[in-house]
Amino acid sequence: MFMTPQRFALALPLIVGMVFAGVATAHATPLITPSYATLPPASHPVALAGASDGSVYSANSDGTISSVDSHGVLTARAFDFGPTAHLCAMTIDDSGDLWVVNSGSGTVSIVNPGWGSVRTYGAPVTGAIDCAITRPPGSASPAYIVTDLVDSVTSISEVGVVDAAFGVLPPGAAPRAIAFDSSGSLYTANSGLDTVSRITASGAVTADFAALSAPTGTVEPRAIAVDSRNNVVVAGYASGSISRITPTGTVTPVVELDPSAQPRSLAMNAMGDLLYVDESDSSVSLIPGDGSAPSVLFDRPDGNSLPAVTADRNGAITVADATTNELMRIDLGARFRDTPTGPIALVTGVPFSYRFEATGNEPFTFRVPWTPSIPDGLSFDPATGILSGTPTKTGTFRVGFEVSNALSKSEYLATFIVTPGVRPAPHF
């Protein structure tokens, strides 16, 4: 929704005698909030899940779940599983329920944030350090769990039916991550064998679906994701590599990383961009889905642990810092940047030009969705975001502008006050 004209006018001072002109800087700059939310001391976030309404949930190793709504409001202890709990993984399903793995009690809980209800079932996860959980869409689909202690995939239904041997992996697999493709097949990153296994929805296992290798040493895959074409992407923690595996099992490198890199967490946004956390320098980088050059979005102090990253459908990326107990926010959706902070003064007969700037992923589209439209004498270019012309009519004009990209849109309400120009004195 646009801000009401009254609220806009009361909250912001009048800008007098200013002409806005110039060329926008790079439009691909993300909007970064380094301390989007600060969790209580000793929380130590380990997993993140983003909801469709823009909320983000953080599973913390102290046994709590924190929530941050779409406005950035933090509920530090939305759910508390007690002092002996050790939460190690979490996912969110298409109905908004959270599935939480508690290796301290050997359980999986299904949490409904709206109702505040929690259902807890036993599962073979006790004592696990690294674990992961995922759930394909569909009300009948179970969730699937892997841990570094058990060489198999465990399934658990909504009513607590557990199959600890749904997909049996080779001895020594030590799976640390799991993901699914559009057919419902599962893929595990086997850190002990440097392989990826595939398990169909019926439980048929292809143990060596893909073998990973490095020029020297081991690969140690720790993170896995699947793109819209059902290619599997795997991060090799020990080899400093990110590889793509086609649906037929062919392995190719995605990008050349520094040999010292330690990619730990992966996420994909709605545009197909790949995000990864590099533990070697505590950075978060983006590999564009269109194949253009990767870029570092931001760095944290060296040594900070960034165990989780998630991306929502609107272009917002959240990263957990377990060292500082902070959640960082990176927004690649379309957002206006550096807009005027008050009513804009124009004068009839005096040329005016202003270019709206935006943050996020290009390309952007600008438009004026409201009526009445812009002041008489001005024109607006939706491709460039430039408002220009020479005002011809006095008055107060309240105009809504919108910017959008493939991920999201945002609005800005401007107030233009056009006063009459100074007329030359008559000559007799």
Protein backbone atom coordinates (compact mmCIF):
# COMPACT_ATOMS: atom_id res chain seq x y z
CA MET A 1 0.00 0.00 0.00
CA PHE A 2 1.08 3.58 -0.61
CA MET A 3 1.64 5.88 2.34
CA THR A 4 -1.33 8.16 2.89
CA PRO A 5 -0.80 11.75 1.74
CA GLN A 6 -1.55 13.09 5.22
CA ARG A 7 1.00 10.87 6.92
CA PHE A 8 3.58 11.67 4.26
CA ALA A 9 3.12 15.40 4.60
CA LEU A 10 3.20 15.39 8.40
CA ALA A 11 6.20 13.15 8.74
CA LEU A 12 8.47 14.92 6.26
CA PRO A 13 9.68 18.54 5.99
CA LEU A 14 9.15 20.68 2.91
CA ILE A 15 12.00 20.75 0.41
CA VAL A 16 12.11 24.23 -1.13
CA GLY A 17 13.91 25.47 -4.21
CA MET A 18 15.52 22.16 -5.13
CA VAL A 19 15.86 20.79 -8.66
CA PHE A 20 16.54 17.06 -8.83
CA ALA A 21 18.72 15.97 -11.72
CA GLY A 22 21.47 13.50 -12.51
CA VAL A 23 22.21 9.99 -13.65
CA ALA A 24 21.56 6.94 -11.51
CA THR A 25 24.43 4.81 -10.31
CA ALA A 26 24.53 1.01 -10.72
CA HIS A 27 21.07 -0.50 -10.38
CA ALA A 28 22.25 -4.00 -9.43
CA THR A 29 23.26 -3.02 -5.90
CA PRO A 30 21.50 -5.07 -3.20
CA LEU A 31 19.98 -3.44 -0.15
CA ILE A 32 21.95 -4.82 2.82
CA THR A 33 20.89 -4.66 6.47
CA PRO A 34 23.86 -6.04 8.46
CA SER A 35 21.91 -6.33 11.75
CA TYR A 36 18.39 -7.11 10.59
CA ALA A 37 17.72 -8.89 13.91
CA THR A 38 19.86 -9.52 16.98
CA LEU A 39 19.06 -12.72 18.86
CA PRO A 40 19.66 -13.23 22.59
CA PRO A 41 23.18 -14.18 23.71
CA ALA A 42 23.95 -17.91 23.43
CA SER A 43 21.22 -18.43 20.81
CA HIS A 44 23.73 -19.51 18.14
CA PRO A 45 21.44 -19.88 15.09
CA VAL A 46 22.02 -23.04 13.06
CA ALA A 47 19.19 -23.14 10.51
CA LEU A 48 16.85 -20.71 8.76
CA ALA A 49 13.48 -21.04 7.03
CA GLY A 50 11.66 -18.34 5.09
CA ALA A 51 7.85 -18.20 4.96
CA SER A 52 5.74 -17.02 2.03
CA ASP A 53 4.61 -13.93 3.98
CA GLY A 54 8.20 -12.67 4.31
CA SER A 55 8.74 -13.94 7.86
CA VAL A 56 11.98 -15.75 8.71
CA TYR A 57 12.45 -18.38 11.40
CA SER A 58 15.77 -19.20 13.06
CA ALA A 59 16.38 -22.55 14.77
CA ASN A 60 18.96 -22.00 17.50
CA SER A 61 21.29 -24.46 19.16
CA ASP A 62 20.05 -23.36 22.61
CA GLY A 63 16.72 -25.05 21.88
CA THR A 64 14.72 -22.01 20.82
CA ILE A 65 13.13 -20.82 17.60
CA SER A 66 13.16 -17.08 16.89
CA SER A 67 10.90 -15.39 14.37
CA VAL A 68 11.28 -12.12 12.47
CA ASP A 69 8.21 -10.85 10.64
CA SER A 70 8.21 -9.06 7.29
CA HIS A 71 8.58 -5.70 9.08
CA GLY A 72 11.68 -6.81 10.96
CA VAL A 73 9.95 -7.33 14.32
CA LEU A 74 11.78 -10.00 16.33
CA THR A 75 10.17 -12.55 18.65
CA ALA A 76 13.29 -13.93 20.29
CA ARG A 77 11.70 -17.03 21.82
CA ALA A 78 8.73 -17.84 19.63
CA PHE A 79 9.15 -21.49 20.67
CA ASP A 80 11.35 -23.01 23.38
CA PHE A 81 12.13 -26.73 23.48
CA GLY A 82 13.94 -26.58 26.82
CA PRO A 83 17.54 -26.45 28.09
CA THR A 84 18.49 -29.98 26.98
CA ALA A 85 17.37 -29.43 23.39
CA HIS A 86 19.87 -29.09 20.57
CA LEU A 87 18.21 -27.99 17.35
CA CYS A 88 20.30 -28.91 14.32
CA ALA A 89 18.02 -28.53 11.28
CA MET A 90 14.74 -27.01 10.17
CA THR A 91 12.62 -26.65 7.05
CA ILE A 92 9.26 -25.10 6.22
CA ASP A 93 6.59 -26.83 4.14
CA ASP A 94 4.14 -25.31 1.66
CA SER A 95 1.47 -24.96 4.37
CA GLY A 96 3.80 -22.89 6.57
CA ASP A 97 4.54 -25.57 9.19
CA LEU A 98 8.09 -25.81 10.54
CA TRP A 99 9.77 -29.23 10.78
CA VAL A 100 12.47 -29.07 13.44
CA VAL A 101 15.15 -31.68 14.17
CA ASN A 102 16.22 -31.90 17.84
CA SER A 103 19.32 -34.06 18.21
CA GLY A 104 19.37 -33.43 21.95
CA SER A 105 16.14 -35.37 22.50
CA GLY A 106 16.16 -37.51 19.35
CA THR A 107 12.92 -36.03 18.03
CA VAL A 108 11.35 -34.19 15.13
CA SER A 109 8.71 -31.56 15.89
CA ILE A 110 6.09 -30.10 13.56
CA VAL A 111 5.39 -26.52 14.60
CA ASN A 112 2.42 -24.48 13.41
CA PRO A 113 3.47 -20.84 13.95
CA GLY A 114 -0.05 -19.51 13.43
CA TRP A 115 -1.73 -21.66 16.06
CA GLY A 116 1.33 -22.15 18.25
CA SER A 117 0.83 -25.93 18.24
CA VAL A 118 3.70 -28.43 18.40
CA ARG A 119 3.62 -32.15 17.60
CA THR A 120 6.73 -34.14 18.50
CA TYR A 121 7.78 -37.61 17.33
CA GLY A 122 10.80 -39.81 17.98
CA ALA A 123 13.45 -40.11 15.25
CA PRO A 124 16.98 -41.60 14.95
CA VAL A 125 18.83 -38.29 15.27
CA THR A 126 20.16 -38.39 18.84
CA GLY A 127 23.66 -36.96 19.18
CA ALA A 128 23.96 -35.77 15.59
CA ILE A 129 26.14 -32.72 14.99
CA ASP A 130 25.36 -32.17 11.31
CA CYS A 131 21.84 -32.92 10.15
CA ALA A 132 19.47 -31.73 7.46
CA ILE A 133 15.76 -32.00 6.72
CA THR A 134 13.62 -31.29 3.67
CA ARG A 135 10.02 -31.84 2.66
CA PRO A 136 8.76 -31.88 -0.94
CA PRO A 137 5.47 -30.04 -1.59
CA GLY A 138 2.18 -31.86 -1.17
CA SER A 139 0.07 -32.62 1.86
CA ALA A 140 0.81 -36.36 1.68
CA SER A 141 4.56 -36.02 1.39
CA PRO A 142 6.72 -36.99 4.37
CA ALA A 143 9.80 -35.09 5.46
CA TYR A 144 13.25 -36.60 4.93
CA ILE A 145 16.20 -36.38 7.31
CA VAL A 146 19.91 -37.14 7.08
CA THR A 147 22.60 -36.94 9.76
CA ASP A 148 26.33 -37.47 9.71
CA LEU A 149 25.92 -40.43 12.13
CA VAL A 150 23.54 -42.64 10.11
CA ASP A 151 24.15 -43.85 6.56
CA SER A 152 20.53 -43.71 5.47
CA VAL A 153 17.66 -41.35 4.74
CA THR A 154 14.89 -41.33 7.35
CA SER A 155 11.32 -40.44 6.39
CA ILE A 156 8.71 -39.15 8.82
CA SER A 157 5.06 -38.46 8.05
CA GLU A 158 2.79 -35.75 9.43
CA VAL A 159 1.35 -38.25 11.89
CA GLY A 160 4.74 -39.47 13.08
CA VAL A 161 5.22 -42.65 11.04
CA VAL A 162 9.01 -43.11 10.87
CA ASP A 163 10.97 -45.19 8.36
CA ALA A 164 14.60 -45.08 9.48
CA ALA A 165 15.74 -47.00 6.40
CA PHE A 166 13.73 -45.30 3.66
CA GLY A 167 16.90 -44.93 1.60
CA VAL A 168 19.93 -46.97 2.69
CA LEU A 169 23.24 -45.39 1.67
CA PRO A 170 26.68 -47.05 1.39
CA PRO A 171 28.69 -47.49 4.61
CA GLY A 172 30.72 -44.40 5.45
CA ALA A 173 28.48 -42.06 3.43
CA ALA A 174 28.06 -39.56 6.31
CA PRO A 175 25.37 -37.53 4.50
CA ARG A 176 25.26 -33.89 5.55
CA ALA A 177 22.71 -32.34 3.20
CA ILE A 178 19.59 -33.33 1.27
CA ALA A 179 17.45 -31.73 -1.45
CA PHE A 180 14.66 -32.77 -3.84
CA ASP A 181 13.87 -32.18 -7.51
CA SER A 182 10.56 -31.53 -9.26
CA SER A 183 9.79 -35.26 -9.53
CA GLY A 184 10.20 -35.76 -5.78
CA SER A 185 13.53 -37.58 -6.07
CA LEU A 186 15.98 -36.88 -3.25
CA TYR A 187 19.71 -36.18 -3.46
CA THR A 188 22.17 -36.54 -0.59
CA ALA A 189 25.61 -34.96 -0.25
CA ASN A 190 27.76 -37.78 1.15
CA SER A 191 30.69 -36.09 2.88
CA GLY A 192 32.42 -39.35 3.78
CA LEU A 193 32.54 -40.77 0.25
CA ASP A 194 32.61 -37.64 -1.95
CA THR A 195 29.50 -38.81 -3.77
CA VAL A 196 25.91 -37.78 -4.38
CA SER A 197 23.19 -40.42 -4.06
CA ARG A 198 19.72 -40.27 -5.60
CA ILE A 199 16.64 -41.78 -3.96
CA THR A 200 13.36 -41.85 -5.86
CA ALA A 201 10.02 -41.12 -4.24
CA SER A 202 9.48 -44.89 -3.97
CA GLY A 203 12.79 -45.38 -2.13
CA ALA A 204 14.95 -46.79 -4.96
CA VAL A 205 18.58 -45.78 -4.31
CA THR A 206 21.29 -44.96 -6.86
CA ALA A 207 24.18 -44.91 -4.42
CA ASP A 208 26.81 -43.45 -6.77
CA PHE A 209 24.62 -41.16 -8.84
CA ALA A 210 27.61 -38.82 -9.13
CA ALA A 211 31.22 -39.09 -7.98
CA LEU A 212 32.97 -35.87 -6.99
CA SER A 213 36.71 -35.34 -7.24
CA ALA A 214 39.35 -32.71 -6.54
CA PRO A 215 42.86 -32.19 -7.98
CA THR A 216 44.26 -33.02 -4.55
CA GLY A 217 42.63 -34.27 -1.37
CA THR A 218 38.94 -34.78 -0.74
CA VAL A 219 35.83 -32.83 -1.72
CA GLU A 220 33.71 -33.26 1.44
CA PRO A 221 30.34 -32.06 0.08
CA ARG A 222 28.39 -30.27 2.80
CA ALA A 223 25.61 -28.44 0.97
CA ILE A 224 23.27 -29.29 -1.89
CA ALA A 225 20.52 -27.59 -3.89
CA VAL A 226 18.47 -28.28 -7.04
CA ASP A 227 17.69 -25.67 -9.70
CA SER A 228 14.59 -25.28 -11.87
CA ARG A 229 16.07 -27.58 -14.55
CA ASN A 230 16.66 -30.35 -11.99
CA ASN A 231 20.41 -29.82 -12.03
CA VAL A 232 21.95 -30.62 -8.65
CA VAL A 233 24.43 -28.11 -7.23
CA VAL A 234 26.92 -29.30 -4.62
CA ALA A 235 29.37 -27.33 -2.47
CA GLY A 236 32.68 -29.05 -1.74
CA TYR A 237 33.89 -27.76 1.62
CA ALA A 238 37.37 -29.32 1.55
CA SER A 239 38.04 -28.76 -2.16
CA GLY A 240 36.71 -25.21 -2.35
CA SER A 241 34.46 -26.13 -5.26
CA ILE A 242 30.88 -25.74 -6.44
CA SER A 243 29.78 -28.34 -8.98
CA ARG A 244 26.70 -28.88 -11.10
CA ILE A 245 25.33 -32.37 -11.75
CA THR A 246 22.95 -32.84 -14.67
CA PRO A 247 19.88 -35.11 -14.38
CA THR A 248 21.96 -37.82 -16.09
CA GLY A 249 24.79 -37.57 -13.53
CA THR A 250 27.38 -35.55 -15.48
CA VAL A 251 29.51 -33.37 -13.18
CA THR A 252 30.84 -29.96 -14.28
CA PRO A 253 32.25 -27.01 -12.29
CA VAL A 254 29.92 -24.05 -11.74
CA VAL A 255 32.58 -21.47 -10.93
CA GLU A 256 36.28 -21.36 -10.13
CA LEU A 257 36.76 -20.46 -6.47
CA ASP A 258 39.91 -19.52 -4.62
CA PRO A 259 41.71 -22.73 -3.54
CA SER A 260 41.33 -21.69 0.10
CA ALA A 261 37.53 -21.26 -0.19
CA GLN A 262 35.27 -23.33 2.07
CA PRO A 263 31.71 -23.13 0.68
CA ARG A 264 29.38 -24.31 3.40
CA SER A 265 25.76 -23.29 2.75
CA LEU A 266 23.76 -22.95 -0.48
CA ALA A 267 20.44 -21.36 -1.40
CA MET A 268 18.66 -20.42 -4.62
CA ASN A 269 16.32 -17.51 -5.14
CA ALA A 270 13.31 -17.26 -7.45
CA MET A 271 15.45 -15.99 -10.35
CA GLY A 272 17.76 -19.01 -10.24
CA ASP A 273 20.64 -17.11 -8.64
CA LEU A 274 22.85 -19.30 -6.46
CA LEU A 275 23.96 -17.97 -3.08
CA TYR A 276 26.75 -19.52 -1.07
CA VAL A 277 28.53 -18.87 2.21
CA ASP A 278 32.33 -19.13 2.20
CA GLU A 279 33.46 -20.05 5.70
CA SER A 280 37.12 -19.30 4.94
CA ASP A 281 36.50 -15.55 4.94
CA SER A 282 32.95 -15.34 6.33
CA SER A 283 31.51 -13.96 3.09
CA VAL A 284 28.28 -14.39 1.16
CA SER A 285 28.45 -14.47 -2.65
CA LEU A 286 25.96 -14.66 -5.49
CA ILE A 287 26.33 -16.54 -8.77
CA PRO A 288 23.74 -15.08 -11.19
CA GLY A 289 21.39 -17.51 -12.85
CA ASP A 290 22.05 -15.88 -16.23
CA GLY A 291 25.68 -17.04 -16.17
CA SER A 292 27.26 -13.63 -15.59
CA ALA A 293 30.20 -13.14 -13.24
CA PRO A 294 29.71 -13.96 -9.55
CA SER A 295 30.01 -11.23 -6.93
CA VAL A 296 30.58 -10.97 -3.19
CA LEU A 297 27.49 -9.48 -1.56
CA PHE A 298 29.14 -8.77 1.78
CA ASP A 299 31.82 -9.90 4.23
CA ARG A 300 31.61 -10.51 7.95
CA PRO A 301 34.70 -10.43 10.20
CA ASP A 302 37.00 -13.37 9.48
CA GLY A 303 36.25 -16.28 11.77
CA ASN A 304 32.54 -15.57 12.13
CA SER A 305 30.46 -18.69 11.63
CA LEU A 306 27.68 -18.33 9.03
CA PRO A 307 25.88 -21.68 9.18
CA ALA A 308 22.74 -20.90 7.19
CA VAL A 309 21.38 -18.84 4.30
CA THR A 310 17.85 -18.76 2.89
CA ALA A 311 16.12 -16.84 0.08
CA ASP A 312 12.43 -16.04 -0.22
CA ARG A 313 10.33 -15.61 -3.36
CA ASN A 314 10.45 -11.79 -3.11
CA GLY A 315 14.22 -11.54 -3.42
CA ALA A 316 15.14 -11.23 0.26
CA ILE A 317 18.13 -13.24 1.48
CA THR A 318 18.71 -13.91 5.18
CA VAL A 319 22.03 -15.08 6.59
CA ALA A 320 22.64 -16.32 10.14
CA ASP A 321 25.79 -15.33 12.04
CA ALA A 322 26.21 -17.78 14.92
CA THR A 323 29.18 -15.84 16.30
CA THR A 324 27.37 -12.53 16.84
CA ASN A 325 23.84 -14.01 17.08
CA GLU A 326 22.68 -11.73 14.29
CA LEU A 327 20.55 -12.22 11.20
CA MET A 328 21.65 -10.24 8.13
CA ARG A 329 19.27 -9.26 5.34
CA ILE A 330 20.15 -8.84 1.66
CA ASP A 331 17.32 -7.64 -0.57
CA LEU A 332 17.52 -8.23 -4.33
CA GLY A 333 13.90 -7.28 -4.92
CA ALA A 334 13.12 -3.92 -6.52
CA ARG A 335 13.29 -1.09 -3.98
CA PHE A 336 13.42 2.68 -4.48
CA ARG A 337 16.69 4.24 -3.32
CA ASP A 338 17.52 7.76 -2.12
CA THR A 339 14.11 9.21 -2.89
CA PRO A 340 13.36 12.77 -1.71
CA THR A 341 12.47 12.93 1.99
CA GLY A 342 9.75 15.55 1.69
CA PRO A 343 7.45 17.43 -0.68
CA ILE A 344 9.23 18.55 -3.84
CA ALA A 345 9.05 22.21 -4.85
CA LEU A 346 8.66 23.02 -8.56
CA VAL A 347 8.14 26.33 -10.33
CA THR A 348 6.12 26.89 -13.49
CA GLY A 349 8.30 27.69 -16.44
CA VAL A 350 11.44 26.22 -14.80
CA PRO A 351 12.75 22.92 -16.29
CA PHE A 352 12.82 19.95 -13.91
CA SER A 353 14.46 16.52 -14.15
CA TYR A 354 14.79 13.65 -11.69
CA ARG A 355 15.83 10.04 -12.19
CA PHE A 356 14.45 7.44 -9.79
CA GLU A 357 17.05 4.92 -8.65
CA ALA A 358 16.47 1.40 -7.39
CA THR A 359 18.31 -1.40 -5.67
CA GLY A 360 18.00 -5.07 -6.57
CA ASN A 361 18.34 -7.23 -9.65
CA GLU A 362 18.03 -5.64 -13.07
CA PRO A 363 16.07 -5.03 -15.21
CA PHE A 364 13.65 -2.62 -13.55
CA THR A 365 10.30 -1.33 -14.78
CA PHE A 366 8.91 1.94 -13.45
CA ARG A 367 5.31 3.11 -13.69
CA VAL A 368 2.75 5.52 -12.29
CA PRO A 369 -0.18 3.31 -11.24
CA TRP A 370 -2.28 6.05 -9.67
CA THR A 371 -4.57 8.78 -10.95
CA PRO A 372 -4.39 11.76 -10.90
CA SER A 373 -1.09 11.59 -12.66
CA ILE A 374 2.07 13.69 -12.65
CA PRO A 375 2.04 17.52 -12.75
CA ASP A 376 1.06 19.13 -16.05
CA GLY A 377 4.04 19.68 -18.32
CA LEU A 378 6.06 16.72 -17.01
CA SER A 379 6.51 13.29 -18.61
CA PHE A 380 7.67 10.00 -17.12
CA ASP A 381 9.79 7.35 -18.89
CA PRO A 382 9.00 3.89 -17.44
CA ALA A 383 12.14 2.34 -18.94
CA THR A 384 14.63 4.76 -17.37
CA GLY A 385 12.64 6.08 -14.40
CA ILE A 386 13.25 9.69 -15.49
CA LEU A 387 10.63 12.32 -14.67
CA SER A 388 11.26 15.52 -16.62
CA GLY A 389 9.70 18.55 -18.26
CA THR A 390 8.63 22.10 -17.49
CA PRO A 391 5.66 22.55 -15.11
CA THR A 392 2.78 24.53 -16.58
CA LYS A 393 0.16 24.43 -13.83
CA THR A 394 0.34 25.37 -10.16
CA GLY A 395 -1.01 23.19 -7.38
CA THR A 396 -0.24 20.26 -5.08
CA PHE A 397 0.11 16.87 -6.76
CA ARG A 398 0.40 13.59 -4.89
CA VAL A 399 1.71 10.89 -7.19
CA GLY A 400 2.42 7.21 -6.57
CA PHE A 401 5.40 5.63 -8.35
CA GLU A 402 6.14 1.91 -8.59
CA VAL A 403 9.32 0.00 -9.41
CA SER A 404 9.38 -3.73 -10.10
CA ASN A 405 11.70 -6.52 -11.21
CA ALA A 406 11.28 -10.26 -11.63
CA LEU A 407 11.25 -10.74 -7.85
CA SER A 408 9.07 -8.03 -6.34
CA LYS A 409 7.80 -4.46 -6.51
CA SER A 410 7.70 -1.47 -4.19
CA GLU A 411 5.98 1.91 -4.10
CA TYR A 412 6.91 5.49 -3.31
CA LEU A 413 4.47 8.38 -2.80
CA ALA A 414 5.73 11.80 -3.86
CA THR A 415 4.16 15.19 -3.18
CA PHE A 416 4.88 17.93 -5.72
CA ILE A 417 4.10 21.56 -4.87
CA VAL A 418 4.15 23.72 -8.00
CA THR A 419 4.23 27.47 -7.46
CA PRO A 420 3.98 30.22 -10.09
CA GLY A 421 7.18 31.46 -11.68
CA VAL A 422 8.28 35.08 -11.41
CA ARG A 423 6.90 37.02 -14.35
CA PRO A 424 9.05 39.77 -15.87
CA ALA A 425 7.93 43.32 -15.06
CA PRO A 426 5.86 44.89 -17.86
CA HIS A 427 7.53 47.52 -20.06
CA PHE A 428 5.59 50.65 -21.11
